[in-house]
Amino acid sequence: MVRWSVCRSSLALPACGLPSARHNSSMPVVRQALSPDNSSTVQNFSEIPGLWRNGLANLYSFWKLDGFRNIHRVMVHNFKTFGPIYREKIGYYDSVNIIKPEDAAILFKAEGHYPKRLTVEAWTSYRDYRNRKYGVLLKNGEDWRSNRVILNREVISPKVLGNFVPLLDEVGQDFVARVHKKIERSGQDKWTTDLSQELFKYALESVGSVLYGERLGLMLDYINPEAQHFIDCISLMFKTTSPMLYIPPAMLRRVGAKIWRDHVEAWDGIFNQADRCIQNIYRTMRQDTNTHGKYPGVLASLLMLDKLSIEDIKASVTELMAGGVDTTSITLLWTLYELARHPDLQEELRAEVAVARQSTQGDMLQMLKMIPLVKGALKETLRLHPVAVSLQRYITEEIVIQNYNIPCGTLVQLGLYAMGRDPDVFPRPEKYLPSRWLRTENQYFRSLGFGFGPRQCLGRRIAETEMQLFLIHVRFTCEIKICPFKLEISVLLHGLNPCRPSASAVEGGRATAMLVRP
């Protein structure tokens, strides 16, 4: 069976942040989480339960149990064994792991003025090798903050939503038109297909339209060779990144390993695409052909703003592209899977979209304000099937969590996958209930699919809008069905497709997904 991505840790849309979410660095750090006995003496760091005394032995056990592909399951098991906080050392990788929302709030307040998390070493190694600039995803310190402030205004500020909606709406309409064309050709009022590939192309077309201001043509039956090469480069980059999370890229480079050479080739192709787009933008600016006031894309907007160097802009835009394709496509795939399992919910979503469409006369920007259940469905998908297994921060203050002292500089991880399945946090966690997000009770630090704080996902505004528009179009025009199948989930995007949609009937345990004309 074809293996696919379910939850990525380091490759996830990186944690960055909304300007409004940035906390005041002078705010006093909350020193202690609520505990059953607030009067008890704070315990030492060395007393935190877990597996941390022998990193090498733990590494061997982790490898023997296939823990690298099952980190999400390992974390759930460890929280059940040790409680809401545990310490773990695997090789040289030493971390404290937490699960409670109130502890996440403490972590947020201790992340400091320049939040720092784990980097994707494969990506930084390529940039060092090619002497390229780091983008905002990979930067740290003041260099990160100065770039981030500028990018926030152009990418994640609520004011930019009006720029993105027309571009993303156009792609959504084209996807639905493609679906209906396929249904017509089938002669059966349905289209059975590999949705994972279709959604990958949809996500790439969407994010490419917003970032580069041009369409790649991926909603067409024929894809030109240049666009296909770009698709292949994106796919190869992800494929070669995962193994280098555990094998040092420097070692692979020294031995001339094929995986390293393929990784370099993939990133070269991605950066070449950015170079071509920059050339097209300058050509358009010289010819002044953008006379209809259409938003030219993030890349062109940043170039015209002229507050970052071309190399800085190119680095950040390519990282946004890399982080914004499989993450959104996987989330949409899981959402369609859950909707296929809950036909009544499909009807509720269709009714909500119909009311919003009628009330706004089809104004998509206004419709996005009237679809709480659609937004709840995406939040619920990210709760059950988060793109990232955990969120990480290196704390800049000594803090106390669950009555344990944690020193400055410690890597602290919030287990997203485990928290989403914790009955103490989410009643009936095994149930897919988008309505849980419509309630008025406190949801503080429970919806963290895009991270938190100043370093939450820079592409959040693009991703949320892209997915909401997709569900508006698909739910209003299609019904989603799926055949029974056996599901296997493993981390780092290795697992069986939740929709393993195939071009034929169910065969050998494959799951066939169908888009049906209602």
Protein backbone atom coordinates (compact mmCIF):
# COMPACT_ATOMS: atom_id res chain seq x y z
CA MET A 1 0.00 0.00 0.00
CA VAL A 2 1.01 3.57 -0.54
CA ARG A 3 2.39 5.19 2.58
CA TRP A 4 1.55 8.77 3.36
CA SER A 5 1.97 11.60 5.83
CA VAL A 6 -0.13 11.69 8.98
CA CYS A 7 1.74 13.76 11.61
CA ARG A 8 5.02 15.57 11.15
CA SER A 9 7.01 16.96 13.89
CA SER A 10 9.79 19.20 12.63
CA LEU A 11 8.25 19.59 9.17
CA ALA A 12 5.07 21.03 10.33
CA LEU A 13 4.06 24.63 9.54
CA PRO A 14 6.39 26.22 11.94
CA ALA A 15 5.38 27.96 15.11
CA CYS A 16 5.52 31.72 14.62
CA GLY A 17 2.81 34.22 15.33
CA LEU A 18 0.15 36.89 14.97
CA PRO A 19 1.23 40.38 16.02
CA SER A 20 -1.72 40.50 18.39
CA ALA A 21 -0.59 37.27 20.01
CA ARG A 22 2.84 38.61 20.87
CA HIS A 23 3.18 38.86 24.62
CA ASN A 24 4.92 41.67 26.43
CA SER A 25 8.45 40.60 27.26
CA SER A 26 8.21 42.52 30.52
CA MET A 27 5.26 40.44 31.65
CA PRO A 28 6.19 38.43 34.76
CA VAL A 29 6.54 34.73 34.11
CA VAL A 30 3.88 32.56 35.72
CA ARG A 31 5.98 30.37 37.91
CA GLN A 32 3.77 27.45 38.77
CA ALA A 33 0.92 25.44 37.31
CA LEU A 34 -2.08 24.41 39.33
CA SER A 35 -1.39 21.18 41.15
CA PRO A 36 -3.42 18.99 43.48
CA ASP A 37 -1.41 20.30 46.41
CA ASN A 38 -0.18 23.86 46.00
CA SER A 39 1.38 23.78 49.44
CA SER A 40 3.81 21.00 48.56
CA THR A 41 7.50 21.78 48.17
CA VAL A 42 8.73 22.34 44.63
CA GLN A 43 10.70 19.29 43.53
CA ASN A 44 14.03 19.27 41.73
CA PHE A 45 14.48 18.84 37.99
CA SER A 46 16.14 15.47 38.62
CA GLU A 47 12.96 14.21 40.27
CA ILE A 48 10.79 14.55 37.17
CA PRO A 49 9.63 11.01 36.28
CA GLY A 50 10.58 9.47 32.96
CA LEU A 51 13.32 7.79 30.98
CA TRP A 52 16.27 10.15 30.97
CA ARG A 53 19.16 8.61 32.90
CA ASN A 54 20.70 6.67 29.99
CA GLY A 55 20.21 8.35 26.65
CA LEU A 56 22.08 5.74 24.61
CA ALA A 57 20.16 2.83 26.09
CA ASN A 58 16.92 4.69 25.48
CA LEU A 59 17.95 5.34 21.89
CA TYR A 60 18.50 1.63 21.31
CA SER A 61 15.14 0.73 22.88
CA PHE A 62 13.41 3.46 20.92
CA TRP A 63 14.88 2.17 17.67
CA LYS A 64 14.09 -1.46 18.52
CA LEU A 65 10.42 -0.60 19.19
CA ASP A 66 10.20 1.44 15.97
CA GLY A 67 9.62 4.51 18.10
CA PHE A 68 10.74 6.94 15.41
CA ARG A 69 7.69 6.04 13.34
CA ASN A 70 5.41 5.92 16.35
CA ILE A 71 6.39 8.93 18.44
CA HIS A 72 2.75 9.90 18.86
CA ARG A 73 1.88 6.51 20.36
CA VAL A 74 5.01 6.55 22.53
CA MET A 75 4.05 9.94 23.96
CA VAL A 76 0.50 8.79 24.74
CA HIS A 77 1.91 5.72 26.50
CA ASN A 78 4.43 7.79 28.48
CA PHE A 79 1.80 10.26 29.68
CA LYS A 80 -0.35 7.35 30.84
CA THR A 81 2.66 5.84 32.61
CA PHE A 82 4.29 8.90 34.19
CA GLY A 83 1.47 11.43 34.41
CA PRO A 84 1.06 14.97 32.97
CA ILE A 85 4.81 15.65 32.93
CA TYR A 86 7.75 13.42 32.13
CA ARG A 87 11.37 13.79 31.12
CA GLU A 88 12.94 11.81 28.30
CA LYS A 89 16.42 11.49 26.84
CA ILE A 90 16.92 9.70 23.53
CA GLY A 91 20.57 9.80 22.53
CA TYR A 92 21.55 13.43 23.13
CA TYR A 93 17.96 14.65 22.68
CA ASP A 94 16.80 15.66 26.18
CA SER A 95 13.32 17.11 26.75
CA VAL A 96 10.55 17.66 29.26
CA ASN A 97 7.10 16.75 27.95
CA ILE A 98 3.81 18.26 29.11
CA ILE A 99 0.16 17.74 28.16
CA LYS A 100 -2.09 20.14 30.10
CA PRO A 101 -3.37 23.44 28.58
CA GLU A 102 -2.59 25.34 31.79
CA ASP A 103 1.01 24.12 31.54
CA ALA A 104 1.12 25.22 27.90
CA ALA A 105 0.20 28.72 29.09
CA ILE A 106 3.21 28.70 31.43
CA LEU A 107 5.46 27.53 28.59
CA PHE A 108 4.19 30.35 26.38
CA LYS A 109 5.00 32.97 28.99
CA ALA A 110 8.52 31.56 29.42
CA GLU A 111 9.48 31.42 25.74
CA GLY A 112 11.20 34.80 25.90
CA HIS A 113 11.58 37.72 23.53
CA TYR A 114 13.06 35.50 20.81
CA PRO A 115 11.21 32.15 20.96
CA LYS A 116 13.38 29.25 19.91
CA ARG A 117 12.39 25.74 18.92
CA LEU A 118 13.94 22.80 17.15
CA THR A 119 15.17 23.51 13.63
CA VAL A 120 15.02 21.28 10.58
CA GLU A 121 18.70 20.42 10.27
CA ALA A 122 18.33 19.06 6.75
CA TRP A 123 17.06 22.44 5.59
CA THR A 124 19.72 24.48 7.38
CA SER A 125 22.42 22.13 6.07
CA TYR A 126 21.30 22.74 2.49
CA ARG A 127 21.36 26.50 2.99
CA ASP A 128 24.83 26.35 4.52
CA TYR A 129 26.00 24.12 1.66
CA ARG A 130 24.66 26.49 -1.02
CA ASN A 131 25.49 29.63 0.99
CA ARG A 132 21.84 30.70 0.97
CA LYS A 133 20.08 32.86 3.53
CA TYR A 134 17.88 31.31 6.20
CA GLY A 135 14.22 32.27 6.01
CA VAL A 136 12.12 33.32 8.97
CA LEU A 137 11.24 29.68 9.68
CA LEU A 138 14.88 28.83 10.37
CA LYS A 139 16.17 32.12 11.80
CA ASN A 140 16.55 32.87 15.51
CA GLY A 141 17.25 35.92 17.65
CA GLU A 142 16.98 39.54 16.57
CA ASP A 143 17.42 38.60 12.91
CA TRP A 144 14.29 36.45 13.20
CA ARG A 145 12.27 39.15 14.95
CA SER A 146 13.15 41.96 12.53
CA ASN A 147 12.15 39.78 9.56
CA ARG A 148 9.08 38.44 11.30
CA VAL A 149 7.63 41.88 12.08
CA ILE A 150 7.73 42.80 8.38
CA LEU A 151 6.33 39.45 7.23
CA ASN A 152 3.52 39.55 9.79
CA ARG A 153 2.07 42.65 8.16
CA GLU A 154 2.18 41.09 4.70
CA VAL A 155 1.17 37.51 5.47
CA ILE A 156 -0.70 37.05 8.74
CA SER A 157 -2.34 40.37 9.62
CA PRO A 158 -6.17 40.19 9.43
CA LYS A 159 -6.03 43.08 6.96
CA VAL A 160 -4.45 40.88 4.26
CA LEU A 161 -7.37 38.46 4.16
CA GLY A 162 -9.04 40.54 1.47
CA ASN A 163 -5.97 40.06 -0.72
CA PHE A 164 -5.92 36.29 -0.34
CA VAL A 165 -9.61 35.39 -0.64
CA PRO A 166 -10.07 36.18 -4.38
CA LEU A 167 -6.98 34.16 -5.31
CA LEU A 168 -7.86 31.17 -3.13
CA ASP A 169 -11.54 31.30 -4.09
CA GLU A 170 -10.57 31.03 -7.75
CA VAL A 171 -8.54 27.88 -7.06
CA GLY A 172 -11.40 26.40 -5.03
CA GLN A 173 -13.85 27.00 -7.87
CA ASP A 174 -11.44 25.41 -10.33
CA PHE A 175 -11.10 22.34 -8.09
CA VAL A 176 -14.88 21.88 -7.97
CA ALA A 177 -15.12 22.42 -11.73
CA ARG A 178 -12.48 19.73 -12.16
CA VAL A 179 -14.49 17.38 -9.91
CA HIS A 180 -17.68 17.91 -11.89
CA LYS A 181 -15.85 17.40 -15.16
CA LYS A 182 -14.48 14.10 -13.84
CA ILE A 183 -17.95 13.08 -12.65
CA GLU A 184 -19.41 13.83 -16.09
CA ARG A 185 -16.74 11.73 -17.75
CA SER A 186 -17.30 8.81 -15.40
CA GLY A 187 -20.91 8.45 -16.49
CA GLN A 188 -21.76 7.25 -12.97
CA ASP A 189 -22.51 10.49 -11.07
CA LYS A 190 -19.37 9.93 -9.02
CA TRP A 191 -15.60 10.23 -9.24
CA THR A 192 -13.37 7.71 -7.51
CA THR A 193 -9.80 8.92 -7.31
CA ASP A 194 -6.59 9.25 -5.34
CA LEU A 195 -7.59 12.24 -3.25
CA SER A 196 -4.18 12.50 -1.61
CA GLN A 197 -2.63 13.48 -4.94
CA GLU A 198 -5.53 15.74 -5.89
CA LEU A 199 -5.36 17.59 -2.58
CA PHE A 200 -1.58 17.93 -2.82
CA LYS A 201 -2.02 19.63 -6.19
CA TYR A 202 -4.84 21.80 -4.84
CA ALA A 203 -2.71 22.93 -1.89
CA LEU A 204 0.31 23.64 -4.07
CA GLU A 205 -1.80 25.58 -6.57
CA SER A 206 -3.38 27.59 -3.75
CA VAL A 207 -0.24 28.52 -1.85
CA GLY A 208 1.62 29.17 -5.11
CA SER A 209 -1.09 31.58 -6.23
CA VAL A 210 -0.91 33.56 -2.98
CA LEU A 211 2.87 33.55 -2.60
CA TYR A 212 4.01 33.90 -6.22
CA GLY A 213 0.95 35.59 -7.68
CA GLU A 214 0.71 33.12 -10.54
CA ARG A 215 -1.10 29.89 -11.28
CA LEU A 216 0.81 26.67 -11.89
CA GLY A 217 -2.05 25.07 -13.84
CA LEU A 218 -2.37 22.05 -11.54
CA MET A 219 -6.17 22.00 -11.81
CA LEU A 220 -5.87 21.16 -15.50
CA ASP A 221 -5.71 17.67 -16.97
CA TYR A 222 -2.38 18.50 -18.60
CA ILE A 223 0.40 19.84 -16.38
CA ASN A 224 3.26 21.53 -18.18
CA PRO A 225 6.74 20.05 -17.61
CA GLU A 226 8.00 23.06 -15.63
CA ALA A 227 5.12 22.83 -13.15
CA GLN A 228 5.51 19.05 -12.93
CA HIS A 229 9.21 19.47 -12.14
CA PHE A 230 8.29 21.85 -9.32
CA ILE A 231 5.82 19.29 -7.94
CA ASP A 232 8.50 16.61 -8.12
CA CYS A 233 10.98 18.86 -6.28
CA ILE A 234 8.51 19.58 -3.46
CA SER A 235 7.74 15.86 -3.10
CA LEU A 236 11.42 14.89 -3.17
CA MET A 237 12.29 17.54 -0.59
CA PHE A 238 9.78 16.09 1.88
CA LYS A 239 10.79 12.52 1.11
CA THR A 240 14.45 13.21 1.81
CA THR A 241 13.88 15.41 4.87
CA SER A 242 12.29 12.78 7.11
CA PRO A 243 15.27 10.38 7.31
CA MET A 244 17.62 13.28 8.07
CA LEU A 245 15.69 14.06 11.24
CA TYR A 246 17.65 11.17 12.78
CA ILE A 247 20.75 10.85 10.60
CA PRO A 248 23.02 13.94 10.69
CA PRO A 249 22.99 15.60 7.25
CA ALA A 250 26.68 16.50 7.66
CA MET A 251 27.56 12.81 7.80
CA LEU A 252 25.44 12.04 4.73
CA ARG A 253 27.07 14.89 2.88
CA ARG A 254 30.58 13.66 3.72
CA VAL A 255 29.89 10.19 2.34
CA GLY A 256 28.06 11.56 -0.70
CA ALA A 257 24.86 9.69 0.15
CA LYS A 258 22.15 9.68 -2.50
CA ILE A 259 19.58 10.99 -0.05
CA TRP A 260 21.70 14.10 0.50
CA ARG A 261 22.26 14.61 -3.23
CA ASP A 262 18.52 14.24 -3.86
CA HIS A 263 17.76 16.72 -1.10
CA VAL A 264 20.09 19.30 -2.64
CA GLU A 265 18.58 18.72 -6.07
CA ALA A 266 15.07 19.20 -4.67
CA TRP A 267 15.85 22.49 -2.93
CA ASP A 268 17.73 23.74 -5.99
CA GLY A 269 14.56 23.23 -8.02
CA ILE A 270 12.42 25.01 -5.42
CA PHE A 271 14.74 28.02 -5.31
CA ASN A 272 14.94 28.08 -9.11
CA GLN A 273 11.16 28.41 -9.19
CA ALA A 274 11.40 31.42 -6.87
CA ASP A 275 14.06 32.94 -9.15
CA ARG A 276 11.78 32.52 -12.17
CA CYS A 277 8.89 34.15 -10.33
CA ILE A 278 11.06 37.11 -9.29
CA GLN A 279 12.10 37.60 -12.92
CA ASN A 280 8.44 37.51 -14.00
CA ILE A 281 7.50 40.02 -11.31
CA TYR A 282 10.19 42.49 -12.38
CA ARG A 283 9.12 42.05 -16.00
CA THR A 284 5.51 42.77 -15.05
CA MET A 285 6.52 45.82 -13.02
CA ARG A 286 8.52 47.22 -15.95
CA GLN A 287 5.64 46.64 -18.37
CA ASP A 288 3.05 47.86 -15.84
CA THR A 289 0.66 45.13 -16.98
CA ASN A 290 -1.08 44.68 -13.62
CA THR A 291 -3.67 47.34 -14.41
CA HIS A 292 -6.74 45.72 -12.87
CA GLY A 293 -5.68 46.10 -9.24
CA LYS A 294 -5.32 42.35 -8.70
CA TYR A 295 -3.18 41.41 -5.71
CA PRO A 296 0.20 40.41 -7.19
CA GLY A 297 1.13 37.91 -4.47
CA VAL A 298 3.26 37.98 -1.33
CA LEU A 299 6.56 37.79 -3.20
CA ALA A 300 5.78 40.82 -5.37
CA SER A 301 4.35 42.72 -2.41
CA LEU A 302 7.53 42.19 -0.39
CA LEU A 303 9.73 43.17 -3.33
CA MET A 304 7.78 46.41 -3.82
CA LEU A 305 7.84 47.11 -0.07
CA ASP A 306 11.65 47.02 -0.28
CA LYS A 307 12.26 46.44 3.44
CA LEU A 308 13.98 43.06 3.10
CA SER A 309 16.78 41.96 0.80
CA ILE A 310 15.86 39.84 -2.21
CA GLU A 311 17.70 36.89 -0.68
CA ASP A 312 15.80 37.23 2.61
CA ILE A 313 12.49 37.44 0.74
CA LYS A 314 13.30 34.45 -1.42
CA ALA A 315 14.37 32.37 1.58
CA SER A 316 11.21 33.08 3.58
CA VAL A 317 8.82 32.63 0.65
CA THR A 318 10.32 29.26 -0.30
CA GLU A 319 10.02 28.12 3.32
CA LEU A 320 6.39 29.24 3.41
CA MET A 321 5.82 27.26 0.24
CA ALA A 322 7.54 24.18 1.65
CA GLY A 323 5.59 24.38 4.90
CA GLY A 324 2.23 25.10 3.32
CA VAL A 325 1.62 22.21 0.94
CA ASP A 326 1.46 18.79 2.57
CA THR A 327 0.30 20.25 5.89
CA THR A 328 -2.94 21.68 4.47
CA SER A 329 -3.51 18.81 2.05
CA ILE A 330 -3.19 16.26 4.87
CA THR A 331 -5.55 18.22 7.11
CA LEU A 332 -8.12 18.40 4.31
CA LEU A 333 -7.71 14.69 3.62
CA TRP A 334 -8.38 13.83 7.26
CA THR A 335 -11.35 16.24 7.29
CA LEU A 336 -12.90 14.59 4.23
CA TYR A 337 -12.31 11.20 5.84
CA GLU A 338 -14.10 12.26 9.02
CA LEU A 339 -16.97 13.83 7.06
CA ALA A 340 -17.34 10.63 5.04
CA ARG A 341 -17.74 8.78 8.33
CA HIS A 342 -20.36 11.29 9.52
CA PRO A 343 -22.90 11.90 6.73
CA ASP A 344 -25.24 13.79 9.07
CA LEU A 345 -22.46 16.26 9.75
CA GLN A 346 -21.99 16.71 6.01
CA GLU A 347 -25.60 17.85 5.79
CA GLU A 348 -25.15 20.26 8.69
CA LEU A 349 -22.15 21.82 6.97
CA ARG A 350 -24.01 22.06 3.67
CA ALA A 351 -26.91 23.80 5.41
CA GLU A 352 -24.57 26.26 7.13
CA VAL A 353 -22.84 27.09 3.85
CA ALA A 354 -26.19 27.52 2.08
CA VAL A 355 -27.43 29.99 4.69
CA ALA A 356 -24.15 31.93 4.58
CA ARG A 357 -24.20 32.04 0.79
CA GLN A 358 -27.77 33.33 0.70
CA SER A 359 -27.17 35.91 3.43
CA THR A 360 -24.08 37.35 1.74
CA GLN A 361 -25.10 36.93 -1.92
CA GLY A 362 -22.00 34.80 -2.38
CA ASP A 363 -19.50 37.34 -1.00
CA MET A 364 -16.76 34.95 0.11
CA LEU A 365 -15.06 37.41 2.43
CA GLN A 366 -18.33 37.84 4.33
CA MET A 367 -19.18 34.13 4.14
CA LEU A 368 -16.00 33.31 6.03
CA LYS A 369 -17.47 35.16 9.02
CA MET A 370 -20.62 33.00 9.01
CA ILE A 371 -19.35 29.41 9.01
CA PRO A 372 -18.51 28.50 12.63
CA LEU A 373 -19.23 24.80 12.09
CA VAL A 374 -16.88 24.62 9.09
CA LYS A 375 -14.16 26.23 11.20
CA GLY A 376 -15.02 23.88 14.06
CA ALA A 377 -14.60 20.88 11.75
CA LEU A 378 -11.07 21.98 10.86
CA LYS A 379 -10.21 22.56 14.53
CA GLU A 380 -11.57 19.14 15.37
CA THR A 381 -9.49 17.55 12.61
CA LEU A 382 -6.36 19.23 13.95
CA ARG A 383 -7.23 18.03 17.45
CA LEU A 384 -7.52 14.37 16.42
CA HIS A 385 -5.01 14.40 13.57
CA PRO A 386 -2.49 17.19 14.26
CA VAL A 387 0.13 17.85 11.64
CA ALA A 388 2.73 18.15 14.39
CA VAL A 389 3.12 15.56 17.15
CA SER A 390 4.31 18.26 19.54
CA LEU A 391 5.19 21.94 19.91
CA GLN A 392 8.63 22.75 21.29
CA ARG A 393 10.22 25.71 23.01
CA TYR A 394 13.56 26.29 24.72
CA ILE A 395 12.56 28.22 27.83
CA THR A 396 14.41 31.40 28.73
CA GLU A 397 13.25 31.50 32.35
CA GLU A 398 13.40 29.05 35.20
CA ILE A 399 9.81 27.88 35.70
CA VAL A 400 7.75 25.45 37.76
CA ILE A 401 5.31 23.10 36.04
CA GLN A 402 3.33 20.42 37.86
CA ASN A 403 5.35 21.32 40.96
CA TYR A 404 8.70 20.49 39.33
CA ASN A 405 11.46 23.02 38.81
CA ILE A 406 12.58 23.31 35.17
CA PRO A 407 15.81 25.27 34.56
CA CYS A 408 16.37 27.92 31.93
CA GLY A 409 17.44 26.55 28.54
CA THR A 410 15.48 23.29 28.82
CA LEU A 411 13.63 22.00 25.76
CA VAL A 412 9.96 21.63 26.73
CA GLN A 413 7.51 19.87 24.43
CA LEU A 414 3.72 20.09 24.49
CA GLY A 415 2.27 16.80 23.23
CA LEU A 416 -0.43 17.90 20.77
CA TYR A 417 -1.44 14.41 19.68
CA ALA A 418 -1.63 13.17 23.27
CA MET A 419 -3.47 16.27 24.51
CA GLY A 420 -6.07 15.90 21.78
CA ARG A 421 -6.89 12.44 23.14
CA ASP A 422 -6.79 13.30 26.83
CA PRO A 423 -10.31 12.90 28.35
CA ASP A 424 -9.37 15.37 31.08
CA VAL A 425 -8.93 18.03 28.39
CA PHE A 426 -11.52 16.92 25.83
CA PRO A 427 -14.61 14.97 26.98
CA ARG A 428 -15.24 11.97 24.70
CA PRO A 429 -11.95 12.58 22.89
CA GLU A 430 -12.46 9.65 20.51
CA LYS A 431 -15.54 11.35 19.01
CA TYR A 432 -15.29 13.71 16.05
CA LEU A 433 -17.41 16.60 17.36
CA PRO A 434 -16.89 19.95 15.59
CA SER A 435 -19.68 21.36 17.75
CA ARG A 436 -17.38 21.22 20.78
CA TRP A 437 -15.66 24.32 19.37
CA LEU A 438 -18.94 26.26 19.23
CA ARG A 439 -19.35 26.30 22.99
CA THR A 440 -18.56 29.36 25.03
CA GLU A 441 -16.56 27.68 27.77
CA ASN A 442 -12.85 28.29 28.02
CA GLN A 443 -10.90 26.94 25.02
CA TYR A 444 -7.66 28.55 26.21
CA PHE A 445 -4.59 26.74 24.86
CA ARG A 446 -6.65 23.85 23.50
CA SER A 447 -6.64 24.68 19.79
CA LEU A 448 -2.94 24.75 18.97
CA GLY A 449 -2.78 23.24 15.49
CA PHE A 450 -0.92 26.32 14.26
CA GLY A 451 1.26 26.79 17.32
CA PHE A 452 1.14 29.74 19.70
CA GLY A 453 2.71 33.08 20.45
CA PRO A 454 5.03 35.19 18.31
CA ARG A 455 6.41 32.07 16.66
CA GLN A 456 3.15 30.43 15.69
CA CYS A 457 2.58 29.51 12.06
CA LEU A 458 3.38 32.39 9.74
CA GLY A 459 1.25 30.78 7.02
CA ARG A 460 -1.75 30.39 9.32
CA ARG A 461 -3.92 33.00 7.57
CA ILE A 462 -3.27 31.44 4.17
CA ALA A 463 -3.82 27.87 5.37
CA GLU A 464 -7.03 28.56 7.31
CA THR A 465 -8.57 30.52 4.44
CA GLU A 466 -7.52 27.94 1.87
CA MET A 467 -9.08 25.06 3.83
CA GLN A 468 -12.26 26.94 4.73
CA LEU A 469 -12.88 27.92 1.11
CA PHE A 470 -12.21 24.35 0.00
CA LEU A 471 -14.86 23.00 2.37
CA ILE A 472 -17.32 25.72 1.34
CA HIS A 473 -17.03 24.75 -2.32
CA VAL A 474 -16.81 20.99 -1.90
CA ARG A 475 -19.54 20.67 0.71
CA PHE A 476 -21.94 22.83 -1.31
CA THR A 477 -21.53 20.80 -4.48
CA CYS A 478 -20.37 17.29 -3.55
CA GLU A 479 -21.06 14.41 -1.21
CA ILE A 480 -18.11 12.47 0.17
CA LYS A 481 -18.13 8.71 0.61
CA ILE A 482 -15.49 6.16 1.52
CA CYS A 483 -15.38 2.39 1.56
CA PRO A 484 -14.43 0.42 4.70
CA PHE A 485 -10.73 -0.18 5.21
CA LYS A 486 -8.08 -0.85 7.77
CA LEU A 487 -6.30 2.28 8.98
CA GLU A 488 -2.73 2.33 10.20
CA ILE A 489 -1.16 5.53 11.50
CA SER A 490 2.49 6.22 12.04
CA VAL A 491 4.41 9.40 12.62
CA LEU A 492 6.37 11.58 10.21
CA LEU A 493 3.79 11.13 7.56
CA HIS A 494 4.34 7.43 7.10
CA GLY A 495 1.11 5.48 7.23
CA LEU A 496 -1.74 4.27 5.11
CA ASN A 497 -3.83 6.93 3.46
CA PRO A 498 -6.97 7.57 5.47
CA CYS A 499 -8.70 7.73 2.11
CA ARG A 500 -6.30 5.60 0.07
CA PRO A 501 -8.57 6.53 -2.79
CA SER A 502 -7.85 4.29 -5.72
CA ALA A 503 -8.91 4.51 -9.33
CA SER A 504 -10.69 1.19 -9.12
CA ALA A 505 -12.88 -0.66 -6.68
CA VAL A 506 -11.60 -1.60 -3.23
CA GLU A 507 -8.72 -3.97 -3.65
CA GLY A 508 -6.33 -5.50 -1.16
CA GLY A 509 -7.58 -3.37 1.72
CA ARG A 510 -7.31 -0.08 -0.12
CA ALA A 511 -9.90 2.51 0.75
CA THR A 512 -11.76 4.04 -2.16
CA ALA A 513 -12.96 7.62 -1.76
CA MET A 514 -15.72 9.00 -3.92
CA LEU A 515 -16.92 12.51 -4.63
CA VAL A 516 -20.60 12.20 -5.54
CA ARG A 517 -22.95 14.72 -7.07
CA PRO A 518 -25.63 15.32 -4.39
